């Protein structure tokens, strides 16, 4: 099958390979931005630099601890917050391992 693009007859397979290459380049660029963002630390309430998931997790744990121990909402905040802190620590380790 031949497809006409900008006045040039080009086989469709060539166009699809070209668009896949462009798509792969965009994906690679976006992944690079994402990886760099993972490594950026922000200041939390305690003025210690942490990754965003760690900051969110610490706030959830702190707020969850303010509820009664039998509160389902408080327990959910504690568990989710603890998980977010853990995710942040794992991201930091992964970032350091890939950027030596």
PDB file of N, CA and C in Angstrom:
ATOM      1  N   UNK A   1       0.848  -1.176   0.000  1.00  0.00           N
ATOM      2  CA  UNK A   1       0.000   0.000   0.000  1.00  0.00           C
ATOM      3  C   UNK A   1       0.892   1.238   0.000  1.00  0.00           C
ATOM      4  N   UNK A   2       0.563   2.188  -0.846  1.00  0.00           N
ATOM      5  CA  UNK A   2       1.327   3.438  -0.956  1.00  0.00           C
ATOM      6  C   UNK A   2       0.474   4.554  -0.366  1.00  0.00           C
ATOM      7  N   UNK A   3       1.097   5.416   0.431  1.00  0.00           N
ATOM      8  CA  UNK A   3       0.391   6.543   1.034  1.00  0.00           C
ATOM      9  C   UNK A   3       1.072   7.825   0.582  1.00  0.00           C
ATOM     10  N   UNK A   4       0.287   8.802   0.235  1.00  0.00           N
ATOM     11  CA  UNK A   4       0.843  10.063  -0.252  1.00  0.00           C
ATOM     12  C   UNK A   4       0.935  11.029   0.923  1.00  0.00           C
ATOM     13  N   UNK A   5       2.150  11.545   1.180  1.00  0.00           N
ATOM     14  CA  UNK A   5       2.359  12.497   2.268  1.00  0.00           C
ATOM     15  C   UNK A   5       3.263  13.603   1.745  1.00  0.00           C
ATOM     16  N   UNK A   6       2.803  14.808   1.804  1.00  0.00           N
ATOM     17  CA  UNK A   6       3.553  15.985   1.383  1.00  0.00           C
ATOM     18  C   UNK A   6       4.102  15.827  -0.026  1.00  0.00           C
ATOM     19  N   UNK A   7       3.298  15.273  -0.913  1.00  0.00           N
ATOM     20  CA  UNK A   7       3.689  15.156  -2.305  1.00  0.00           C
ATOM     21  C   UNK A   7       4.661  14.035  -2.604  1.00  0.00           C
ATOM     22  N   UNK A   8       4.929  13.148  -1.631  1.00  0.00           N
ATOM     23  CA  UNK A   8       5.873  12.051  -1.844  1.00  0.00           C
ATOM     24  C   UNK A   8       5.125  10.744  -1.661  1.00  0.00           C
ATOM     25  N   UNK A   9       5.304   9.820  -2.597  1.00  0.00           N
ATOM     26  CA  UNK A   9       4.724   8.492  -2.449  1.00  0.00           C
ATOM     27  C   UNK A   9       5.625   7.686  -1.527  1.00  0.00           C
ATOM     28  N   UNK A  10       5.074   7.227  -0.410  1.00  0.00           N
ATOM     29  CA  UNK A  10       5.851   6.494   0.586  1.00  0.00           C
ATOM     30  C   UNK A  10       5.096   5.237   0.969  1.00  0.00           C
ATOM     31  N   UNK A  11       5.793   4.090   1.033  1.00  0.00           N
ATOM     32  CA  UNK A  11       5.112   2.876   1.490  1.00  0.00           C
ATOM     33  C   UNK A  11       4.602   3.058   2.916  1.00  0.00           C
ATOM     34  N   UNK A  12       3.447   2.513   3.208  1.00  0.00           N
ATOM     35  CA  UNK A  12       2.829   2.650   4.517  1.00  0.00           C
ATOM     36  C   UNK A  12       3.717   2.082   5.618  1.00  0.00           C
ATOM     37  N   UNK A  13       4.433   0.999   5.334  1.00  0.00           N
ATOM     38  CA  UNK A  13       5.298   0.397   6.349  1.00  0.00           C
ATOM     39  C   UNK A  13       6.395   1.371   6.773  1.00  0.00           C
ATOM     40  N   UNK A  14       6.902   2.172   5.846  1.00  0.00           N
ATOM     41  CA  UNK A  14       7.924   3.169   6.178  1.00  0.00           C
ATOM     42  C   UNK A  14       7.343   4.239   7.084  1.00  0.00           C
ATOM     43  N   UNK A  15       6.118   4.671   6.796  1.00  0.00           N
ATOM     44  CA  UNK A  15       5.469   5.684   7.627  1.00  0.00           C
ATOM     45  C   UNK A  15       5.215   5.163   9.040  1.00  0.00           C
ATOM     46  N   UNK A  16       4.778   3.915   9.158  1.00  0.00           N
ATOM     47  CA  UNK A  16       4.493   3.386  10.486  1.00  0.00           C
ATOM     48  C   UNK A  16       5.779   3.214  11.283  1.00  0.00           C
ATOM     49  N   UNK A  17       6.888   2.825  10.623  1.00  0.00           N
ATOM     50  CA  UNK A  17       8.176   2.727  11.324  1.00  0.00           C
ATOM     51  C   UNK A  17       8.633   4.095  11.784  1.00  0.00           C
ATOM     52  N   UNK A  18       8.441   5.097  10.945  1.00  0.00           N
ATOM     53  CA  UNK A  18       8.835   6.461  11.277  1.00  0.00           C
ATOM     54  C   UNK A  18       8.019   6.973  12.463  1.00  0.00           C
ATOM     55  N   UNK A  19       6.713   6.724  12.454  1.00  0.00           N
ATOM     56  CA  UNK A  19       5.873   7.188  13.556  1.00  0.00           C
ATOM     57  C   UNK A  19       6.195   6.426  14.845  1.00  0.00           C
ATOM     58  N   UNK A  20       6.558   5.144  14.724  1.00  0.00           N
ATOM     59  CA  UNK A  20       6.969   4.386  15.911  1.00  0.00           C
ATOM     60  C   UNK A  20       8.261   4.950  16.479  1.00  0.00           C
ATOM     61  N   UNK A  21       9.169   5.337  15.607  1.00  0.00           N
ATOM     62  CA  UNK A  21      10.440   5.913  16.053  1.00  0.00           C
ATOM     63  C   UNK A  21      10.189   7.241  16.777  1.00  0.00           C
ATOM     64  N   UNK A  22       9.339   8.062  16.220  1.00  0.00           N
ATOM     65  CA  UNK A  22       9.000   9.341  16.856  1.00  0.00           C
ATOM     66  C   UNK A  22       8.322   9.093  18.202  1.00  0.00           C
ATOM     67  N   UNK A  23       7.417   8.144  18.236  1.00  0.00           N
ATOM     68  CA  UNK A  23       6.743   7.807  19.493  1.00  0.00           C
ATOM     69  C   UNK A  23       7.709   7.309  20.546  1.00  0.00           C
ATOM     70  N   UNK A  24       8.680   6.499  20.132  1.00  0.00           N
ATOM     71  CA  UNK A  24       9.684   5.984  21.055  1.00  0.00           C
ATOM     72  C   UNK A  24      10.562   7.120  21.591  1.00  0.00           C
ATOM     73  N   UNK A  25      10.912   8.074  20.734  1.00  0.00           N
ATOM     74  CA  UNK A  25      11.695   9.228  21.179  1.00  0.00           C
ATOM     75  C   UNK A  25      10.924  10.041  22.212  1.00  0.00           C
ATOM     76  N   UNK A  26       9.624  10.237  21.985  1.00  0.00           N
ATOM     77  CA  UNK A  26       8.798  10.976  22.936  1.00  0.00           C
ATOM     78  C   UNK A  26       8.699  10.237  24.269  1.00  0.00           C
ATOM     79  N   UNK A  27       8.544   8.926  24.190  1.00  0.00           N
ATOM     80  CA  UNK A  27       8.474   8.105  25.398  1.00  0.00           C
ATOM     81  C   UNK A  27       9.776   8.190  26.179  1.00  0.00           C
ATOM     82  N   UNK A  28      10.907   8.120  25.480  1.00  0.00           N
ATOM     83  CA  UNK A  28      12.219   8.201  26.116  1.00  0.00           C
ATOM     84  C   UNK A  28      12.405   9.560  26.802  1.00  0.00           C
ATOM     85  N   UNK A  29      12.013  10.635  26.141  1.00  0.00           N
ATOM     86  CA  UNK A  29      12.132  11.974  26.719  1.00  0.00           C
ATOM     87  C   UNK A  29      11.252  12.114  27.959  1.00  0.00           C
ATOM     88  N   UNK A  30      10.027  11.615  27.879  1.00  0.00           N
ATOM     89  CA  UNK A  30       9.117  11.692  29.025  1.00  0.00           C
ATOM     90  C   UNK A  30       9.635  10.865  30.198  1.00  0.00           C
ATOM     91  N   UNK A  31      10.210   9.705  29.911  1.00  0.00           N
ATOM     92  CA  UNK A  31      10.769   8.867  30.973  1.00  0.00           C
ATOM     93  C   UNK A  31      11.934   9.566  31.652  1.00  0.00           C
ATOM     94  N   UNK A  32      12.749  10.262  30.877  1.00  0.00           N
ATOM     95  CA  UNK A  32      13.872  11.010  31.445  1.00  0.00           C
ATOM     96  C   UNK A  32      13.400  12.106  32.386  1.00  0.00           C
ATOM     97  N   UNK A  33      12.367  12.815  31.987  1.00  0.00           N
ATOM     98  CA  UNK A  33      11.794  13.866  32.839  1.00  0.00           C
ATOM     99  C   UNK A  33      11.251  13.259  34.120  1.00  0.00           C
ATOM    100  N   UNK A  34      10.553  12.141  33.998  1.00  0.00           N
ATOM    101  CA  UNK A  34       9.975  11.465  35.163  1.00  0.00           C
ATOM    102  C   UNK A  34      11.073  10.998  36.125  1.00  0.00           C
ATOM    103  N   UNK A  35      12.129  10.414  35.588  1.00  0.00           N
ATOM    104  CA  UNK A  35      13.229   9.915  36.421  1.00  0.00           C
ATOM    105  C   UNK A  35      13.892  11.069  37.163  1.00  0.00           C
ATOM    106  N   UNK A  36      14.129  12.182  36.468  1.00  0.00           N
ATOM    107  CA  UNK A  36      14.733  13.341  37.139  1.00  0.00           C
ATOM    108  C   UNK A  36      13.810  13.883  38.222  1.00  0.00           C
ATOM    109  N   UNK A  37      12.506  13.884  37.977  1.00  0.00           N
ATOM    110  CA  UNK A  37      11.553  14.382  38.974  1.00  0.00           C
ATOM    111  C   UNK A  37      11.540  13.484  40.210  1.00  0.00           C
ATOM    112  N   UNK A  38      11.717  12.184  40.012  1.00  0.00           N
ATOM    113  CA  UNK A  38      11.747  11.271  41.157  1.00  0.00           C
ATOM    114  C   UNK A  38      12.906  11.584  42.089  1.00  0.00           C
ATOM    115  N   UNK A  39      13.992  12.057  41.526  1.00  0.00           N
ATOM    116  CA  UNK A  39      15.181  12.316  42.322  1.00  0.00           C
ATOM    117  C   UNK A  39      15.193  13.663  43.013  1.00  0.00           C
ATOM    118  N   UNK A  40      14.237  14.519  42.707  1.00  0.00           N
ATOM    119  CA  UNK A  40      14.206  15.844  43.320  1.00  0.00           C
ATOM    120  C   UNK A  40      13.563  15.775  44.690  1.00  0.00           C
ATOM    121  N   UNK A  41      14.270  16.298  45.649  1.00  0.00           N
ATOM    122  CA  UNK A  41      13.761  16.297  47.016  1.00  0.00           C
ATOM    123  C   UNK A  41      13.160  17.655  47.337  1.00  0.00           C
ATOM    124  N   UNK A  42      12.176  17.651  48.180  1.00  0.00           N
ATOM    125  CA  UNK A  42      11.494  18.863  48.633  1.00  0.00           C
ATOM    126  C   UNK A  42      11.630  18.963  50.143  1.00  0.00           C
ATOM    127  N   UNK A  43      11.513  20.170  50.669  1.00  0.00           N
ATOM    128  CA  UNK A  43      11.549  20.340  52.111  1.00  0.00           C
ATOM    129  C   UNK A  43      10.185  20.023  52.700  1.00  0.00           C
ATOM    130  N   UNK A  44      10.199  19.178  53.720  1.00  0.00           N
ATOM    131  CA  UNK A  44       8.970  18.862  54.430  1.00  0.00           C
ATOM    132  C   UNK A  44       8.788  19.807  55.596  1.00  0.00           C
ATOM    133  N   UNK A  45       7.805  19.529  56.427  1.00  0.00           N
ATOM    134  CA  UNK A  45       7.550  20.368  57.602  1.00  0.00           C
ATOM    135  C   UNK A  45       8.739  20.377  58.550  1.00  0.00           C
ATOM    136  N   UNK A  46       9.471  19.278  58.608  1.00  0.00           N
ATOM    137  CA  UNK A  46      10.613  19.181  59.517  1.00  0.00           C
ATOM    138  C   UNK A  46      11.884  19.762  58.893  1.00  0.00           C
ATOM    139  N   UNK A  47      11.771  20.429  57.762  1.00  0.00           N
ATOM    140  CA  UNK A  47      12.877  21.073  57.051  1.00  0.00           C
ATOM    141  C   UNK A  47      13.914  20.086  56.528  1.00  0.00           C
ATOM    142  N   UNK A  48      13.580  18.814  56.572  1.00  0.00           N
ATOM    143  CA  UNK A  48      14.469  17.799  56.015  1.00  0.00           C
ATOM    144  C   UNK A  48      14.033  17.551  54.581  1.00  0.00           C
ATOM    145  N   UNK A  49      15.012  17.427  53.685  1.00  0.00           N
ATOM    146  CA  UNK A  49      14.682  17.182  52.276  1.00  0.00           C
ATOM    147  C   UNK A  49      14.260  15.732  52.102  1.00  0.00           C
ATOM    148  N   UNK A  50      13.094  15.540  51.502  1.00  0.00           N
ATOM    149  CA  UNK A  50      12.538  14.219  51.247  1.00  0.00           C
ATOM    150  C   UNK A  50      11.844  14.231  49.902  1.00  0.00           C
ATOM    151  N   UNK A  51      11.586  13.044  49.390  1.00  0.00           N
ATOM    152  CA  UNK A  51      10.813  12.927  48.159  1.00  0.00           C
ATOM    153  C   UNK A  51       9.338  13.173  48.477  1.00  0.00           C
ATOM    154  N   UNK A  52       8.570  13.657  47.496  1.00  0.00           N
ATOM    155  CA  UNK A  52       7.152  13.950  47.733  1.00  0.00           C
ATOM    156  C   UNK A  52       6.340  12.801  48.357  1.00  0.00           C
ATOM    157  N   UNK A  53       6.523  11.529  47.935  1.00  0.00           N
ATOM    158  CA  UNK A  53       5.746  10.468  48.586  1.00  0.00           C
ATOM    159  C   UNK A  53       6.057  10.344  50.082  1.00  0.00           C
ATOM    160  N   UNK A  54       7.317  10.585  50.452  1.00  0.00           N
ATOM    161  CA  UNK A  54       7.684  10.521  51.869  1.00  0.00           C
ATOM    162  C   UNK A  54       7.021  11.649  52.657  1.00  0.00           C
ATOM    163  N   UNK A  55       6.988  12.831  52.087  1.00  0.00           N
ATOM    164  CA  UNK A  55       6.365  13.979  52.761  1.00  0.00           C
ATOM    165  C   UNK A  55       4.878  13.723  52.955  1.00  0.00           C
ATOM    166  N   UNK A  56       4.202  13.260  51.897  1.00  0.00           N
ATOM    167  CA  UNK A  56       2.774  12.956  51.985  1.00  0.00           C
ATOM    168  C   UNK A  56       2.535  11.856  53.007  1.00  0.00           C
ATOM    169  N   UNK A  57       3.364  10.812  52.960  1.00  0.00           N
ATOM    170  CA  UNK A  57       3.216   9.703  53.896  1.00  0.00           C
ATOM    171  C   UNK A  57       3.381  10.147  55.338  1.00  0.00           C
ATOM    172  N   UNK A  58       4.378  10.988  55.598  1.00  0.00           N
ATOM    173  CA  UNK A  58       4.608  11.476  56.961  1.00  0.00           C
ATOM    174  C   UNK A  58       3.416  12.284  57.453  1.00  0.00           C
ATOM    175  N   UNK A  59       2.842  13.104  56.581  1.00  0.00           N
ATOM    176  CA  UNK A  59       1.663  13.897  56.964  1.00  0.00           C
ATOM    177  C   UNK A  59       0.473  12.985  57.251  1.00  0.00           C
ATOM    178  N   UNK A  60       0.313  11.925  56.453  1.00  0.00           N
ATOM    179  CA  UNK A  60      -0.796  10.995  56.672  1.00  0.00           C
ATOM    180  C   UNK A  60      -0.626  10.239  57.989  1.00  0.00           C
ATOM    181  N   UNK A  61       0.606   9.809  58.274  1.00  0.00           N
ATOM    182  CA  UNK A  61       0.865   9.095  59.525  1.00  0.00           C
ATOM    183  C   UNK A  61       0.606  10.015  60.712  1.00  0.00           C
ATOM    184  N   UNK A  62       1.084  11.240  60.610  1.00  0.00           N
ATOM    185  CA  UNK A  62       0.896  12.205  61.689  1.00  0.00           C
ATOM    186  C   UNK A  62      -0.597  12.468  61.939  1.00  0.00           C
ATOM    187  N   UNK A  63      -1.340  12.696  60.866  1.00  0.00           N
ATOM    188  CA  UNK A  63      -2.766  12.981  61.000  1.00  0.00           C
ATOM    189  C   UNK A  63      -3.540  11.741  61.440  1.00  0.00           C
ATOM    190  N   UNK A  64      -3.168  10.587  60.933  1.00  0.00           N
ATOM    191  CA  UNK A  64      -3.851   9.345  61.311  1.00  0.00           C
ATOM    192  C   UNK A  64      -3.683   9.027  62.787  1.00  0.00           C
ATOM    193  N   UNK A  65      -2.541   9.428  63.356  1.00  0.00           N
ATOM    194  CA  UNK A  65      -2.294   9.204  64.777  1.00  0.00           C
ATOM    195  C   UNK A  65      -3.158  10.061  65.686  1.00  0.00           C
ATOM    196  N   UNK A  66      -3.773  11.084  65.146  1.00  0.00           N
ATOM    197  CA  UNK A  66      -4.637  11.967  65.932  1.00  0.00           C
ATOM    198  C   UNK A  66      -6.018  11.367  66.174  1.00  0.00           C
ATOM    199  N   UNK A  67      -6.369  10.335  65.418  1.00  0.00           N
ATOM    200  CA  UNK A  67      -7.673   9.691  65.582  1.00  0.00           C
ATOM    201  C   UNK A  67      -7.588   8.600  66.638  1.00  0.00           C
ATOM    202  N   UNK A  68      -8.741   8.232  67.166  1.00  0.00           N
ATOM    203  CA  UNK A  68      -8.802   7.141  68.143  1.00  0.00           C
ATOM    204  C   UNK A  68      -8.307   5.853  67.490  1.00  0.00           C
ATOM    205  N   UNK A  69      -7.745   4.960  68.290  1.00  0.00           N
ATOM    206  CA  UNK A  69      -7.148   3.736  67.740  1.00  0.00           C
ATOM    207  C   UNK A  69      -8.174   2.843  67.043  1.00  0.00           C
ATOM    208  N   UNK A  70      -9.441   2.959  67.391  1.00  0.00           N
ATOM    209  CA  UNK A  70     -10.468   2.136  66.739  1.00  0.00           C
ATOM    210  C   UNK A  70     -11.066   2.801  65.492  1.00  0.00           C
ATOM    211  N   UNK A  71     -10.580   3.984  65.138  1.00  0.00           N
ATOM    212  CA  UNK A  71     -11.086   4.702  63.968  1.00  0.00           C
ATOM    213  C   UNK A  71     -10.571   4.046  62.686  1.00  0.00           C
ATOM    214  N   UNK A  72     -11.499   3.625  61.840  1.00  0.00           N
ATOM    215  CA  UNK A  72     -11.115   3.012  60.563  1.00  0.00           C
ATOM    216  C   UNK A  72     -10.384   4.029  59.686  1.00  0.00           C
ATOM    217  N   UNK A  73     -10.835   5.275  59.713  1.00  0.00           N
ATOM    218  CA  UNK A  73     -10.204   6.322  58.916  1.00  0.00           C
ATOM    219  C   UNK A  73      -8.775   6.575  59.398  1.00  0.00           C
ATOM    220  N   UNK A  74      -8.603   6.664  60.693  1.00  0.00           N
ATOM    221  CA  UNK A  74      -7.273   6.874  61.261  1.00  0.00           C
ATOM    222  C   UNK A  74      -6.337   5.722  60.926  1.00  0.00           C
ATOM    223  N   UNK A  75      -6.839   4.492  61.025  1.00  0.00           N
ATOM    224  CA  UNK A  75      -6.024   3.317  60.693  1.00  0.00           C
ATOM    225  C   UNK A  75      -5.658   3.300  59.213  1.00  0.00           C
ATOM    226  N   UNK A  76      -6.606   3.709  58.383  1.00  0.00           N
ATOM    227  CA  UNK A  76      -6.329   3.757  56.940  1.00  0.00           C
ATOM    228  C   UNK A  76      -5.251   4.792  56.635  1.00  0.00           C
ATOM    229  N   UNK A  77      -5.330   5.950  57.277  1.00  0.00           N
ATOM    230  CA  UNK A  77      -4.305   6.973  57.082  1.00  0.00           C
ATOM    231  C   UNK A  77      -2.935   6.482  57.537  1.00  0.00           C
ATOM    232  N   UNK A  78      -2.897   5.801  58.679  1.00  0.00           N
ATOM    233  CA  UNK A  78      -1.633   5.275  59.186  1.00  0.00           C
ATOM    234  C   UNK A  78      -1.025   4.253  58.224  1.00  0.00           C
ATOM    235  N   UNK A  79      -1.839   3.349  57.743  1.00  0.00           N
ATOM    236  CA  UNK A  79      -1.338   2.309  56.844  1.00  0.00           C
ATOM    237  C   UNK A  79      -0.918   2.873  55.491  1.00  0.00           C
ATOM    238  N   UNK A  80      -1.767   3.702  54.924  1.00  0.00           N
ATOM    239  CA  UNK A  80      -1.444   4.287  53.626  1.00  0.00           C
ATOM    240  C   UNK A  80      -0.239   5.208  53.740  1.00  0.00           C
ATOM    241  N   UNK A  81      -0.192   5.996  54.793  1.00  0.00           N
ATOM    242  CA  UNK A  81       0.940   6.898  55.005  1.00  0.00           C
ATOM    243  C   UNK A  81       2.241   6.138  55.162  1.00  0.00           C
ATOM    244  N   UNK A  82       2.197   5.050  55.902  1.00  0.00           N
ATOM    245  CA  UNK A  82       3.378   4.218  56.082  1.00  0.00           C
ATOM    246  C   UNK A  82       3.830   3.648  54.740  1.00  0.00           C
ATOM    247  N   UNK A  83       2.887   3.239  53.938  1.00  0.00           N
ATOM    248  CA  UNK A  83       3.198   2.723  52.605  1.00  0.00           C
ATOM    249  C   UNK A  83       3.799   3.791  51.707  1.00  0.00           C
ATOM    250  N   UNK A  84       3.273   4.999  51.777  1.00  0.00           N
ATOM    251  CA  UNK A  84       3.810   6.102  50.976  1.00  0.00           C
ATOM    252  C   UNK A  84       5.241   6.433  51.389  1.00  0.00           C
ATOM    253  N   UNK A  85       5.509   6.418  52.682  1.00  0.00           N
ATOM    254  CA  UNK A  85       6.872   6.668  53.152  1.00  0.00           C
ATOM    255  C   UNK A  85       7.822   5.597  52.605  1.00  0.00           C
ATOM    256  N   UNK A  86       7.364   4.380  52.637  1.00  0.00           N
ATOM    257  CA  UNK A  86       8.171   3.264  52.138  1.00  0.00           C
ATOM    258  C   UNK A  86       8.429   3.398  50.633  1.00  0.00           C
ATOM    259  N   UNK A  87       7.403   3.785  49.889  1.00  0.00           N
ATOM    260  CA  UNK A  87       7.549   4.000  48.447  1.00  0.00           C
ATOM    261  C   UNK A  87       8.589   5.085  48.184  1.00  0.00           C
ATOM    262  N   UNK A  88       8.530   6.162  48.946  1.00  0.00           N
ATOM    263  CA  UNK A  88       9.505   7.240  48.791  1.00  0.00           C
ATOM    264  C   UNK A  88      10.925   6.771  49.045  1.00  0.00           C
ATOM    265  N   UNK A  89      11.120   5.952  50.087  1.00  0.00           N
ATOM    266  CA  UNK A  89      12.461   5.429  50.378  1.00  0.00           C
ATOM    267  C   UNK A  89      12.945   4.504  49.261  1.00  0.00           C
ATOM    268  N   UNK A  90      12.050   3.679  48.750  1.00  0.00           N
ATOM    269  CA  UNK A  90      12.415   2.763  47.657  1.00  0.00           C
ATOM    270  C   UNK A  90      12.755   3.557  46.399  1.00  0.00           C
ATOM    271  N   UNK A  91      11.990   4.602  46.110  1.00  0.00           N
ATOM    272  CA  UNK A  91      12.281   5.437  44.946  1.00  0.00           C
ATOM    273  C   UNK A  91      13.658   6.077  45.072  1.00  0.00           C
ATOM    274  N   UNK A  92      13.990   6.525  46.269  1.00  0.00           N
ATOM    275  CA  UNK A  92      15.295   7.154  46.476  1.00  0.00           C
ATOM    276  C   UNK A  92      16.423   6.155  46.246  1.00  0.00           C
ATOM    277  N   UNK A  93      16.272   4.953  46.776  1.00  0.00           N
ATOM    278  CA  UNK A  93      17.283   3.914  46.576  1.00  0.00           C
ATOM    279  C   UNK A  93      17.410   3.583  45.091  1.00  0.00           C
ATOM    280  N   UNK A  94      16.288   3.454  44.414  1.00  0.00           N
ATOM    281  CA  UNK A  94      16.289   3.126  42.985  1.00  0.00           C
ATOM    282  C   UNK A  94      16.942   4.253  42.177  1.00  0.00           C
ATOM    283  N   UNK A  95      16.627   5.474  42.516  1.00  0.00           N
ATOM    284  CA  UNK A  95      17.193   6.623  41.810  1.00  0.00           C
ATOM    285  C   UNK A  95      18.710   6.647  41.974  1.00  0.00           C
ATOM    286  N   UNK A  96      19.162   6.440  43.202  1.00  0.00           N
ATOM    287  CA  UNK A  96      20.617   6.433  43.462  1.00  0.00           C
ATOM    288  C   UNK A  96      21.311   5.298  42.706  1.00  0.00           C
ATOM    289  N   UNK A  97      20.654   4.148  42.646  1.00  0.00           N
ATOM    290  CA  UNK A  97      21.253   2.993  41.973  1.00  0.00           C
ATOM    291  C   UNK A  97      21.379   3.212  40.468  1.00  0.00           C
ATOM    292  N   UNK A  98      20.443   3.951  39.885  1.00  0.00           N
ATOM    293  CA  UNK A  98      20.475   4.157  38.438  1.00  0.00           C
ATOM    294  C   UNK A  98      21.281   5.385  38.030  1.00  0.00           C
ATOM    295  N   UNK A  99      21.663   6.224  38.983  1.00  0.00           N
ATOM    296  CA  UNK A  99      22.393   7.452  38.653  1.00  0.00           C
ATOM    297  C   UNK A  99      23.745   7.508  39.358  1.00  0.00           C
ATOM    298  N   UNK A 100      24.485   6.445  39.282  1.00  0.00           N
ATOM    299  CA  UNK A 100      25.837   6.435  39.877  1.00  0.00           C
ATOM    300  C   UNK A 100      26.823   6.988  38.901  1.00  0.00           C
TER     301      UNK A 100
END
